[in-house]
Amino acid sequence: MLSQTAEYALRAVIAIARARGEAVGAAALAKQAGMGEDSTGFVYANVKDALPLLQLAGVKLPAGVSGVSTFFAYGDAATNESTFTAFLGVG
């Protein structure tokens, strides 16, 4: 069972994904990532859609970065220990 904070975070991921037409992508990614009940926060980015904006802003992107599709990361906390887990979708 998820804590109230983790449940709200997961619901937010799902709501954002649905609003963007990506319900399966973001929600599935959060579930596959194992975002647990002690999650301290998360970030989800549709990198594929953000890359053109970065280029317009003058950011020089490294070769091969165009294959990156999504980024998802979350933090967990336990007694005397904090972890950060990140996933990068390619393809």
N, C-alpha and C. Protein backbone atom coordinates (compact mmCIF):
# COMPACT_ATOMS: atom_id res chain seq x y z
N MET A 1 0.84 -1.18 0.00
CA MET A 1 0.00 0.00 0.00
C MET A 1 0.88 1.24 0.00
N LEU A 2 0.54 2.21 -0.85
CA LEU A 2 1.30 3.44 -0.95
C LEU A 2 0.94 4.41 0.17
N SER A 3 1.92 5.20 0.59
CA SER A 3 1.63 6.27 1.55
C SER A 3 0.78 7.32 0.84
N GLN A 4 0.18 8.19 1.59
CA GLN A 4 -0.68 9.22 1.01
C GLN A 4 0.12 10.11 0.05
N THR A 5 1.35 10.47 0.43
CA THR A 5 2.18 11.32 -0.42
C THR A 5 2.52 10.62 -1.74
N ALA A 6 2.92 9.36 -1.67
CA ALA A 6 3.26 8.61 -2.88
C ALA A 6 2.04 8.41 -3.75
N GLU A 7 0.89 8.19 -3.12
CA GLU A 7 -0.34 8.01 -3.89
C GLU A 7 -0.70 9.30 -4.64
N TYR A 8 -0.57 10.45 -3.97
CA TYR A 8 -0.83 11.73 -4.63
C TYR A 8 0.15 11.94 -5.79
N ALA A 9 1.40 11.60 -5.57
CA ALA A 9 2.41 11.76 -6.61
C ALA A 9 2.09 10.89 -7.81
N LEU A 10 1.73 9.64 -7.57
CA LEU A 10 1.40 8.74 -8.67
C LEU A 10 0.15 9.21 -9.40
N ARG A 11 -0.82 9.69 -8.65
CA ARG A 11 -2.04 10.23 -9.29
C ARG A 11 -1.70 11.44 -10.15
N ALA A 12 -0.77 12.26 -9.69
CA ALA A 12 -0.36 13.43 -10.47
C ALA A 12 0.30 13.00 -11.77
N VAL A 13 1.17 11.99 -11.70
CA VAL A 13 1.82 11.47 -12.90
C VAL A 13 0.78 10.99 -13.89
N ILE A 14 -0.20 10.25 -13.40
CA ILE A 14 -1.25 9.72 -14.27
C ILE A 14 -2.09 10.84 -14.86
N ALA A 15 -2.44 11.82 -14.05
CA ALA A 15 -3.26 12.94 -14.53
C ALA A 15 -2.52 13.74 -15.60
N ILE A 16 -1.25 14.01 -15.37
CA ILE A 16 -0.45 14.75 -16.35
C ILE A 16 -0.33 13.94 -17.64
N ALA A 17 -0.08 12.66 -17.49
CA ALA A 17 0.06 11.81 -18.66
C ALA A 17 -1.24 11.76 -19.47
N ARG A 18 -2.37 11.63 -18.79
CA ARG A 18 -3.65 11.59 -19.49
C ARG A 18 -3.92 12.90 -20.21
N ALA A 19 -3.59 14.01 -19.57
CA ALA A 19 -3.81 15.31 -20.18
C ALA A 19 -2.97 15.47 -21.44
N ARG A 20 -1.83 14.82 -21.46
CA ARG A 20 -0.94 14.92 -22.62
C ARG A 20 -1.15 13.77 -23.59
N GLY A 21 -2.11 12.87 -23.31
CA GLY A 21 -2.35 11.74 -24.19
C GLY A 21 -1.32 10.65 -24.05
N GLU A 22 -0.65 10.57 -22.91
CA GLU A 22 0.41 9.59 -22.67
C GLU A 22 0.10 8.71 -21.48
N ALA A 23 -1.15 8.39 -21.25
CA ALA A 23 -1.54 7.67 -20.03
C ALA A 23 -0.73 6.41 -19.81
N VAL A 24 -0.55 5.65 -20.84
CA VAL A 24 0.19 4.40 -20.67
C VAL A 24 1.64 4.67 -20.36
N GLY A 25 2.27 5.60 -21.08
CA GLY A 25 3.69 5.87 -20.92
C GLY A 25 4.10 6.28 -19.52
N ALA A 26 3.57 7.37 -19.01
CA ALA A 26 4.00 7.89 -17.72
C ALA A 26 3.55 7.01 -16.56
N ALA A 27 2.31 6.56 -16.58
CA ALA A 27 1.81 5.72 -15.50
C ALA A 27 2.55 4.40 -15.45
N ALA A 28 2.76 3.80 -16.61
CA ALA A 28 3.48 2.53 -16.66
C ALA A 28 4.93 2.71 -16.20
N LEU A 29 5.53 3.82 -16.59
CA LEU A 29 6.91 4.09 -16.20
C LEU A 29 7.03 4.23 -14.69
N ALA A 30 6.09 4.94 -14.07
CA ALA A 30 6.12 5.09 -12.61
C ALA A 30 5.98 3.74 -11.93
N LYS A 31 5.10 2.90 -12.45
CA LYS A 31 4.89 1.57 -11.86
C LYS A 31 6.12 0.69 -12.06
N GLN A 32 6.66 0.68 -13.29
CA GLN A 32 7.83 -0.14 -13.59
C GLN A 32 9.05 0.31 -12.80
N ALA A 33 9.13 1.61 -12.54
CA ALA A 33 10.27 2.16 -11.82
C ALA A 33 10.28 1.72 -10.37
N GLY A 34 9.14 1.26 -9.88
CA GLY A 34 9.07 0.82 -8.49
C GLY A 34 8.95 1.95 -7.50
N MET A 35 8.35 3.05 -7.92
CA MET A 35 8.18 4.19 -7.02
C MET A 35 7.38 3.71 -5.81
N GLY A 36 8.03 3.63 -4.67
CA GLY A 36 7.44 3.03 -3.48
C GLY A 36 6.74 4.00 -2.56
N GLU A 37 6.32 3.47 -1.44
CA GLU A 37 5.52 4.25 -0.50
C GLU A 37 6.31 5.34 0.21
N ASP A 38 7.62 5.26 0.21
CA ASP A 38 8.43 6.28 0.87
C ASP A 38 9.01 7.29 -0.11
N SER A 39 8.40 7.42 -1.27
CA SER A 39 8.90 8.36 -2.27
C SER A 39 8.88 9.78 -1.73
N THR A 40 9.98 10.47 -1.96
CA THR A 40 10.08 11.84 -1.47
C THR A 40 9.80 12.86 -2.56
N GLY A 41 9.69 12.40 -3.79
CA GLY A 41 9.39 13.29 -4.90
C GLY A 41 9.68 12.59 -6.21
N PHE A 42 9.25 13.19 -7.30
CA PHE A 42 9.48 12.60 -8.61
C PHE A 42 9.53 13.68 -9.66
N VAL A 43 10.07 13.31 -10.82
CA VAL A 43 10.06 14.18 -11.99
C VAL A 43 9.84 13.31 -13.22
N TYR A 44 9.01 13.79 -14.12
CA TYR A 44 8.75 13.11 -15.39
C TYR A 44 8.87 14.16 -16.49
N ALA A 45 9.61 13.84 -17.52
CA ALA A 45 9.75 14.77 -18.64
C ALA A 45 9.64 14.03 -19.96
N ASN A 46 8.87 14.59 -20.86
CA ASN A 46 8.78 14.08 -22.22
C ASN A 46 9.91 14.78 -22.98
N VAL A 47 11.07 14.18 -22.95
CA VAL A 47 12.27 14.79 -23.52
C VAL A 47 12.13 15.00 -25.02
N LYS A 48 11.49 14.04 -25.68
CA LYS A 48 11.34 14.12 -27.13
C LYS A 48 10.69 15.44 -27.55
N ASP A 49 9.68 15.88 -26.80
CA ASP A 49 9.01 17.13 -27.12
C ASP A 49 9.78 18.36 -26.65
N ALA A 50 10.65 18.19 -25.68
CA ALA A 50 11.40 19.32 -25.14
C ALA A 50 12.64 19.66 -25.96
N LEU A 51 13.19 18.69 -26.68
CA LEU A 51 14.42 18.93 -27.42
C LEU A 51 14.32 20.08 -28.43
N PRO A 52 13.25 20.16 -29.22
CA PRO A 52 13.16 21.30 -30.15
C PRO A 52 13.14 22.65 -29.43
N LEU A 53 12.52 22.70 -28.25
CA LEU A 53 12.50 23.95 -27.49
C LEU A 53 13.89 24.33 -27.01
N LEU A 54 14.65 23.34 -26.60
CA LEU A 54 16.02 23.61 -26.17
C LEU A 54 16.86 24.14 -27.33
N GLN A 55 16.68 23.54 -28.50
CA GLN A 55 17.42 23.99 -29.67
C GLN A 55 17.04 25.43 -30.04
N LEU A 56 15.74 25.75 -29.95
CA LEU A 56 15.31 27.13 -30.22
C LEU A 56 15.92 28.12 -29.23
N ALA A 57 16.16 27.63 -28.02
CA ALA A 57 16.75 28.49 -26.99
C ALA A 57 18.26 28.63 -27.16
N GLY A 58 18.81 27.93 -28.18
CA GLY A 58 20.24 28.06 -28.44
C GLY A 58 21.10 27.02 -27.74
N VAL A 59 20.49 26.02 -27.12
CA VAL A 59 21.26 24.98 -26.45
C VAL A 59 21.84 24.04 -27.50
N LYS A 60 23.14 23.80 -27.44
CA LYS A 60 23.79 22.88 -28.37
C LYS A 60 23.68 21.47 -27.78
N LEU A 61 22.94 20.63 -28.46
CA LEU A 61 22.71 19.27 -27.98
C LEU A 61 23.77 18.33 -28.51
N PRO A 62 24.22 17.37 -27.70
CA PRO A 62 25.21 16.40 -28.17
C PRO A 62 24.61 15.47 -29.23
N ALA A 63 25.45 14.93 -30.07
CA ALA A 63 25.00 14.00 -31.10
C ALA A 63 24.34 12.78 -30.46
N GLY A 64 23.28 12.31 -31.06
CA GLY A 64 22.60 11.11 -30.57
C GLY A 64 21.53 11.36 -29.54
N VAL A 65 21.42 12.57 -29.04
CA VAL A 65 20.44 12.85 -27.99
C VAL A 65 19.01 12.85 -28.55
N SER A 66 18.88 12.94 -29.86
CA SER A 66 17.54 12.95 -30.46
C SER A 66 16.79 11.64 -30.25
N GLY A 67 17.50 10.57 -29.90
CA GLY A 67 16.86 9.29 -29.65
C GLY A 67 16.27 9.15 -28.25
N VAL A 68 16.51 10.12 -27.39
CA VAL A 68 15.98 10.09 -26.02
C VAL A 68 14.51 10.48 -26.06
N SER A 69 13.65 9.68 -25.39
CA SER A 69 12.22 9.97 -25.44
C SER A 69 11.66 10.48 -24.11
N THR A 70 12.00 9.85 -23.00
CA THR A 70 11.45 10.25 -21.70
C THR A 70 12.51 10.18 -20.60
N PHE A 71 12.24 10.91 -19.52
CA PHE A 71 13.08 10.86 -18.33
C PHE A 71 12.15 10.78 -17.13
N PHE A 72 12.42 9.83 -16.23
CA PHE A 72 11.63 9.69 -15.01
C PHE A 72 12.60 9.42 -13.87
N ALA A 73 12.42 10.12 -12.77
CA ALA A 73 13.27 9.93 -11.61
C ALA A 73 12.45 10.12 -10.35
N TYR A 74 12.85 9.45 -9.28
CA TYR A 74 12.18 9.61 -8.00
C TYR A 74 13.16 9.41 -6.86
N GLY A 75 12.83 9.95 -5.72
CA GLY A 75 13.65 9.79 -4.53
C GLY A 75 12.91 8.95 -3.50
N ASP A 76 13.65 8.23 -2.72
CA ASP A 76 13.12 7.43 -1.61
C ASP A 76 13.91 7.77 -0.36
N ALA A 77 13.25 7.62 0.77
CA ALA A 77 13.92 7.86 2.04
C ALA A 77 13.59 6.74 3.01
N ALA A 78 14.59 6.32 3.73
CA ALA A 78 14.44 5.34 4.80
C ALA A 78 15.29 5.87 5.96
N THR A 79 15.24 5.20 7.06
CA THR A 79 16.01 5.63 8.22
C THR A 79 17.48 5.73 7.84
N ASN A 80 18.04 6.91 7.97
CA ASN A 80 19.46 7.18 7.70
C ASN A 80 19.90 6.87 6.28
N GLU A 81 18.96 6.84 5.33
CA GLU A 81 19.35 6.54 3.95
C GLU A 81 18.39 7.21 2.97
N SER A 82 18.96 7.82 1.96
CA SER A 82 18.16 8.39 0.88
C SER A 82 18.70 7.86 -0.44
N THR A 83 17.80 7.60 -1.37
CA THR A 83 18.23 7.12 -2.68
C THR A 83 17.55 7.93 -3.77
N PHE A 84 18.17 7.95 -4.93
CA PHE A 84 17.64 8.64 -6.10
C PHE A 84 17.75 7.66 -7.26
N THR A 85 16.65 7.39 -7.93
CA THR A 85 16.62 6.44 -9.03
C THR A 85 16.13 7.17 -10.28
N ALA A 86 16.82 6.96 -11.40
CA ALA A 86 16.45 7.65 -12.63
C ALA A 86 16.40 6.65 -13.79
N PHE A 87 15.48 6.91 -14.71
CA PHE A 87 15.31 6.10 -15.91
C PHE A 87 15.27 7.03 -17.12
N LEU A 88 15.96 6.62 -18.16
CA LEU A 88 16.00 7.38 -19.40
C LEU A 88 15.47 6.50 -20.51
N GLY A 89 14.37 6.93 -21.14
CA GLY A 89 13.79 6.17 -22.23
C GLY A 89 14.44 6.53 -23.55
N VAL A 90 14.88 5.53 -24.28
CA VAL A 90 15.53 5.75 -25.57
C VAL A 90 14.76 5.00 -26.64
N GLY A 91 14.55 5.67 -27.75
CA GLY A 91 13.90 4.97 -28.84
C GLY A 91 12.66 5.64 -29.35
